[in-house]
Amino acid sequence: MQKLKQFLHEVKVEMKKVVFPNREELLGSTQVVIVSVLMISAFLGVIDYVLSRFIRALLRF
């Protein structure tokens, strides 16, 4: 039981050190993630389309 109390105390001490982002930082980070995901998705979609057309053309010969 003593180890559990010590663990919870250490968790409390460490949580006081955490710096949470404010609203503006959170919104900015969220926008960066969404734009990055959209760009990577579009890139992979184009690559997938090009490669599938290429393989289809190879299989026709």
PDB file of N, CA and C in Angstrom:
ATOM      1  N   MET A   1       0.827  -1.195   0.000  1.00  0.00           N
ATOM      2  CA  MET A   1       0.000   0.000   0.000  1.00  0.00           C
ATOM      3  C   MET A   1       0.874   1.263   0.000  1.00  0.00           C
ATOM      4  N   GLN A   2       2.006   1.183   0.661  1.00  0.00           N
ATOM      5  CA  GLN A   2       2.915   2.322   0.727  1.00  0.00           C
ATOM      6  C   GLN A   2       3.463   2.670  -0.651  1.00  0.00           C
ATOM      7  N   LYS A   3       3.749   1.639  -1.460  1.00  0.00           N
ATOM      8  CA  LYS A   3       4.266   1.882  -2.813  1.00  0.00           C
ATOM      9  C   LYS A   3       3.234   2.586  -3.674  1.00  0.00           C
ATOM     10  N   LEU A   4       1.972   2.226  -3.511  1.00  0.00           N
ATOM     11  CA  LEU A   4       0.901   2.867  -4.268  1.00  0.00           C
ATOM     12  C   LEU A   4       0.796   4.341  -3.893  1.00  0.00           C
ATOM     13  N   LYS A   5       0.859   4.647  -2.597  1.00  0.00           N
ATOM     14  CA  LYS A   5       0.797   6.044  -2.155  1.00  0.00           C
ATOM     15  C   LYS A   5       1.980   6.829  -2.712  1.00  0.00           C
ATOM     16  N   GLN A   6       3.164   6.223  -2.684  1.00  0.00           N
ATOM     17  CA  GLN A   6       4.351   6.890  -3.208  1.00  0.00           C
ATOM     18  C   GLN A   6       4.214   7.141  -4.707  1.00  0.00           C
ATOM     19  N   PHE A   7       3.717   6.137  -5.425  1.00  0.00           N
ATOM     20  CA  PHE A   7       3.518   6.281  -6.860  1.00  0.00           C
ATOM     21  C   PHE A   7       2.544   7.418  -7.169  1.00  0.00           C
ATOM     22  N   LEU A   8       1.416   7.452  -6.469  1.00  0.00           N
ATOM     23  CA  LEU A   8       0.418   8.498  -6.719  1.00  0.00           C
ATOM     24  C   LEU A   8       0.968   9.877  -6.358  1.00  0.00           C
ATOM     25  N   HIS A   9       1.770   9.950  -5.316  1.00  0.00           N
ATOM     26  CA  HIS A   9       2.400  11.225  -4.961  1.00  0.00           C
ATOM     27  C   HIS A   9       3.354  11.681  -6.068  1.00  0.00           C
ATOM     28  N   GLU A  10       4.137  10.765  -6.612  1.00  0.00           N
ATOM     29  CA  GLU A  10       5.069  11.097  -7.691  1.00  0.00           C
ATOM     30  C   GLU A  10       4.324  11.527  -8.950  1.00  0.00           C
ATOM     31  N   VAL A  11       3.202  10.869  -9.215  1.00  0.00           N
ATOM     32  CA  VAL A  11       2.382  11.261 -10.361  1.00  0.00           C
ATOM     33  C   VAL A  11       1.887  12.693 -10.184  1.00  0.00           C
ATOM     34  N   LYS A  12       1.425  13.019  -8.988  1.00  0.00           N
ATOM     35  CA  LYS A  12       0.936  14.367  -8.696  1.00  0.00           C
ATOM     36  C   LYS A  12       2.045  15.407  -8.881  1.00  0.00           C
ATOM     37  N   VAL A  13       3.241  15.094  -8.394  1.00  0.00           N
ATOM     38  CA  VAL A  13       4.371  16.014  -8.522  1.00  0.00           C
ATOM     39  C   VAL A  13       4.728  16.212  -9.995  1.00  0.00           C
ATOM     40  N   GLU A  14       4.761  15.147 -10.765  1.00  0.00           N
ATOM     41  CA  GLU A  14       5.107  15.244 -12.191  1.00  0.00           C
ATOM     42  C   GLU A  14       4.034  15.989 -12.977  1.00  0.00           C
ATOM     43  N   MET A  15       2.781  15.792 -12.620  1.00  0.00           N
ATOM     44  CA  MET A  15       1.697  16.474 -13.333  1.00  0.00           C
ATOM     45  C   MET A  15       1.760  17.987 -13.127  1.00  0.00           C
ATOM     46  N   LYS A  16       2.315  18.426 -12.008  1.00  0.00           N
ATOM     47  CA  LYS A  16       2.462  19.863 -11.778  1.00  0.00           C
ATOM     48  C   LYS A  16       3.506  20.466 -12.713  1.00  0.00           C
ATOM     49  N   LYS A  17       4.389  19.640 -13.257  1.00  0.00           N
ATOM     50  CA  LYS A  17       5.431  20.115 -14.161  1.00  0.00           C
ATOM     51  C   LYS A  17       4.946  20.222 -15.609  1.00  0.00           C
ATOM     52  N   VAL A  18       3.819  19.606 -15.900  1.00  0.00           N
ATOM     53  CA  VAL A  18       3.305  19.575 -17.272  1.00  0.00           C
ATOM     54  C   VAL A  18       2.784  20.955 -17.670  1.00  0.00           C
ATOM     55  N   VAL A  19       3.142  21.378 -18.870  1.00  0.00           N
ATOM     56  CA  VAL A  19       2.642  22.647 -19.403  1.00  0.00           C
ATOM     57  C   VAL A  19       1.700  22.312 -20.556  1.00  0.00           C
ATOM     58  N   PHE A  20       0.436  22.588 -20.360  1.00  0.00           N
ATOM     59  CA  PHE A  20      -0.552  22.304 -21.379  1.00  0.00           C
ATOM     60  C   PHE A  20      -0.637  23.472 -22.359  1.00  0.00           C
ATOM     61  N   PRO A  21      -0.899  23.192 -23.646  1.00  0.00           N
ATOM     62  CA  PRO A  21      -0.982  24.281 -24.628  1.00  0.00           C
ATOM     63  C   PRO A  21      -2.233  25.129 -24.406  1.00  0.00           C
ATOM     64  N   ASN A  22      -2.123  26.398 -24.775  1.00  0.00           N
ATOM     65  CA  ASN A  22      -3.316  27.244 -24.696  1.00  0.00           C
ATOM     66  C   ASN A  22      -4.167  27.011 -25.945  1.00  0.00           C
ATOM     67  N   ARG A  23      -5.282  27.682 -26.023  1.00  0.00           N
ATOM     68  CA  ARG A  23      -6.234  27.450 -27.120  1.00  0.00           C
ATOM     69  C   ARG A  23      -5.622  27.736 -28.490  1.00  0.00           C
ATOM     70  N   GLU A  24      -4.874  28.834 -28.606  1.00  0.00           N
ATOM     71  CA  GLU A  24      -4.290  29.204 -29.897  1.00  0.00           C
ATOM     72  C   GLU A  24      -3.261  28.160 -30.351  1.00  0.00           C
ATOM     73  N   GLU A  25      -2.429  27.714 -29.432  1.00  0.00           N
ATOM     74  CA  GLU A  25      -1.430  26.699 -29.777  1.00  0.00           C
ATOM     75  C   GLU A  25      -2.101  25.393 -30.194  1.00  0.00           C
ATOM     76  N   LEU A  26      -3.152  25.034 -29.473  1.00  0.00           N
ATOM     77  CA  LEU A  26      -3.870  23.801 -29.782  1.00  0.00           C
ATOM     78  C   LEU A  26      -4.518  23.868 -31.162  1.00  0.00           C
ATOM     79  N   LEU A  27      -5.155  24.996 -31.467  1.00  0.00           N
ATOM     80  CA  LEU A  27      -5.791  25.152 -32.781  1.00  0.00           C
ATOM     81  C   LEU A  27      -4.750  25.167 -33.900  1.00  0.00           C
ATOM     82  N   GLY A  28      -3.625  25.842 -33.669  1.00  0.00           N
ATOM     83  CA  GLY A  28      -2.564  25.879 -34.675  1.00  0.00           C
ATOM     84  C   GLY A  28      -2.002  24.500 -34.951  1.00  0.00           C
ATOM     85  N   SER A  29      -1.760  23.742 -33.890  1.00  0.00           N
ATOM     86  CA  SER A  29      -1.230  22.382 -34.056  1.00  0.00           C
ATOM     87  C   SER A  29      -2.240  21.484 -34.771  1.00  0.00           C
ATOM     88  N   THR A  30      -3.509  21.655 -34.429  1.00  0.00           N
ATOM     89  CA  THR A  30      -4.551  20.849 -35.064  1.00  0.00           C
ATOM     90  C   THR A  30      -4.619  21.144 -36.559  1.00  0.00           C
ATOM     91  N   GLN A  31      -4.514  22.410 -36.924  1.00  0.00           N
ATOM     92  CA  GLN A  31      -4.537  22.778 -38.344  1.00  0.00           C
ATOM     93  C   GLN A  31      -3.345  22.189 -39.079  1.00  0.00           C
ATOM     94  N   VAL A  32      -2.181  22.224 -38.464  1.00  0.00           N
ATOM     95  CA  VAL A  32      -0.985  21.644 -39.093  1.00  0.00           C
ATOM     96  C   VAL A  32      -1.180  20.153 -39.321  1.00  0.00           C
ATOM     97  N   VAL A  33      -1.725  19.457 -38.347  1.00  0.00           N
ATOM     98  CA  VAL A  33      -1.945  18.016 -38.483  1.00  0.00           C
ATOM     99  C   VAL A  33      -2.951  17.725 -39.587  1.00  0.00           C
ATOM    100  N   ILE A  34      -4.052  18.462 -39.625  1.00  0.00           N
ATOM    101  CA  ILE A  34      -5.082  18.215 -40.642  1.00  0.00           C
ATOM    102  C   ILE A  34      -4.540  18.476 -42.040  1.00  0.00           C
ATOM    103  N   VAL A  35      -3.824  19.581 -42.223  1.00  0.00           N
ATOM    104  CA  VAL A  35      -3.263  19.897 -43.541  1.00  0.00           C
ATOM    105  C   VAL A  35      -2.230  18.842 -43.944  1.00  0.00           C
ATOM    106  N   SER A  36      -1.401  18.421 -43.005  1.00  0.00           N
ATOM    107  CA  SER A  36      -0.388  17.396 -43.295  1.00  0.00           C
ATOM    108  C   SER A  36      -1.037  16.081 -43.715  1.00  0.00           C
ATOM    109  N   VAL A  37      -2.069  15.678 -43.001  1.00  0.00           N
ATOM    110  CA  VAL A  37      -2.765  14.432 -43.334  1.00  0.00           C
ATOM    111  C   VAL A  37      -3.401  14.523 -44.717  1.00  0.00           C
ATOM    112  N   LEU A  38      -4.010  15.659 -45.034  1.00  0.00           N
ATOM    113  CA  LEU A  38      -4.632  15.826 -46.357  1.00  0.00           C
ATOM    114  C   LEU A  38      -3.589  15.784 -47.468  1.00  0.00           C
ATOM    115  N   MET A  39      -2.449  16.439 -47.247  1.00  0.00           N
ATOM    116  CA  MET A  39      -1.404  16.454 -48.271  1.00  0.00           C
ATOM    117  C   MET A  39      -0.818  15.054 -48.477  1.00  0.00           C
ATOM    118  N   ILE A  40      -0.537  14.355 -47.420  1.00  0.00           N
ATOM    119  CA  ILE A  40       0.024  13.005 -47.538  1.00  0.00           C
ATOM    120  C   ILE A  40      -0.992  12.064 -48.169  1.00  0.00           C
ATOM    121  N   SER A  41      -2.261  12.210 -47.798  1.00  0.00           N
ATOM    122  CA  SER A  41      -3.317  11.368 -48.397  1.00  0.00           C
ATOM    123  C   SER A  41      -3.421  11.615 -49.897  1.00  0.00           C
ATOM    124  N   ALA A  42      -3.390  12.869 -50.299  1.00  0.00           N
ATOM    125  CA  ALA A  42      -3.468  13.189 -51.729  1.00  0.00           C
ATOM    126  C   ALA A  42      -2.260  12.624 -52.467  1.00  0.00           C
ATOM    127  N   PHE A  43      -1.078  12.788 -51.889  1.00  0.00           N
ATOM    128  CA  PHE A  43       0.141  12.267 -52.506  1.00  0.00           C
ATOM    129  C   PHE A  43       0.062  10.749 -52.662  1.00  0.00           C
ATOM    130  N   LEU A  44      -0.319  10.049 -51.611  1.00  0.00           N
ATOM    131  CA  LEU A  44      -0.415   8.592 -51.691  1.00  0.00           C
ATOM    132  C   LEU A  44      -1.513   8.146 -52.655  1.00  0.00           C
ATOM    133  N   GLY A  45      -2.603   8.917 -52.726  1.00  0.00           N
ATOM    134  CA  GLY A  45      -3.670   8.596 -53.674  1.00  0.00           C
ATOM    135  C   GLY A  45      -3.188   8.707 -55.109  1.00  0.00           C
ATOM    136  N   VAL A  46      -2.428   9.745 -55.408  1.00  0.00           N
ATOM    137  CA  VAL A  46      -1.882   9.927 -56.761  1.00  0.00           C
ATOM    138  C   VAL A  46      -0.901   8.814 -57.085  1.00  0.00           C
ATOM    139  N   ILE A  47      -0.010   8.497 -56.160  1.00  0.00           N
ATOM    140  CA  ILE A  47       0.959   7.419 -56.375  1.00  0.00           C
ATOM    141  C   ILE A  47       0.242   6.090 -56.589  1.00  0.00           C
ATOM    142  N   ASP A  48      -0.784   5.820 -55.793  1.00  0.00           N
ATOM    143  CA  ASP A  48      -1.552   4.583 -55.937  1.00  0.00           C
ATOM    144  C   ASP A  48      -2.214   4.520 -57.307  1.00  0.00           C
ATOM    145  N   TYR A  49      -2.807   5.626 -57.736  1.00  0.00           N
ATOM    146  CA  TYR A  49      -3.472   5.666 -59.039  1.00  0.00           C
ATOM    147  C   TYR A  49      -2.471   5.415 -60.174  1.00  0.00           C
ATOM    148  N   VAL A  50      -1.329   6.103 -60.120  1.00  0.00           N
ATOM    149  CA  VAL A  50      -0.320   5.963 -61.171  1.00  0.00           C
ATOM    150  C   VAL A  50       0.214   4.535 -61.218  1.00  0.00           C
ATOM    151  N   LEU A  51       0.527   3.977 -60.079  1.00  0.00           N
ATOM    152  CA  LEU A  51       1.073   2.610 -60.048  1.00  0.00           C
ATOM    153  C   LEU A  51       0.039   1.579 -60.491  1.00  0.00           C
ATOM    154  N   SER A  52      -1.219   1.773 -60.106  1.00  0.00           N
ATOM    155  CA  SER A  52      -2.236   0.813 -60.532  1.00  0.00           C
ATOM    156  C   SER A  52      -2.449   0.870 -62.048  1.00  0.00           C
ATOM    157  N   ARG A  53      -2.426   2.086 -62.625  1.00  0.00           N
ATOM    158  CA  ARG A  53      -2.533   2.195 -64.087  1.00  0.00           C
ATOM    159  C   ARG A  53      -1.329   1.547 -64.774  1.00  0.00           C
ATOM    160  N   PHE A  54      -0.147   1.746 -64.227  1.00  0.00           N
ATOM    161  CA  PHE A  54       1.077   1.163 -64.777  1.00  0.00           C
ATOM    162  C   PHE A  54       1.023  -0.360 -64.735  1.00  0.00           C
ATOM    163  N   ILE A  55       0.610  -0.920 -63.621  1.00  0.00           N
ATOM    164  CA  ILE A  55       0.545  -2.379 -63.495  1.00  0.00           C
ATOM    165  C   ILE A  55      -0.540  -2.941 -64.411  1.00  0.00           C
ATOM    166  N   ARG A  56      -1.677  -2.245 -64.516  1.00  0.00           N
ATOM    167  CA  ARG A  56      -2.729  -2.680 -65.429  1.00  0.00           C
ATOM    168  C   ARG A  56      -2.217  -2.713 -66.872  1.00  0.00           C
ATOM    169  N   ALA A  57      -1.438  -1.697 -67.242  1.00  0.00           N
ATOM    170  CA  ALA A  57      -0.887  -1.648 -68.605  1.00  0.00           C
ATOM    171  C   ALA A  57       0.114  -2.784 -68.822  1.00  0.00           C
ATOM    172  N   LEU A  58       0.898  -3.101 -67.814  1.00  0.00           N
ATOM    173  CA  LEU A  58       1.854  -4.216 -67.929  1.00  0.00           C
ATOM    174  C   LEU A  58       1.143  -5.555 -68.073  1.00  0.00           C
ATOM    175  N   LEU A  59       0.046  -5.722 -67.377  1.00  0.00           N
ATOM    176  CA  LEU A  59      -0.671  -6.997 -67.410  1.00  0.00           C
ATOM    177  C   LEU A  59      -1.413  -7.212 -68.741  1.00  0.00           C
ATOM    178  N   ARG A  60      -1.664  -6.156 -69.466  1.00  0.00           N
ATOM    179  CA  ARG A  60      -2.372  -6.276 -70.750  1.00  0.00           C
ATOM    180  C   ARG A  60      -1.462  -6.858 -71.834  1.00  0.00           C
ATOM    181  N   PHE A  61      -0.139  -6.738 -71.665  1.00  0.00           N
ATOM    182  CA  PHE A  61       0.790  -7.245 -72.697  1.00  0.00           C
ATOM    183  C   PHE A  61       0.949  -8.719 -72.602  1.00  0.00           C
TER     184      PHE A  61
END
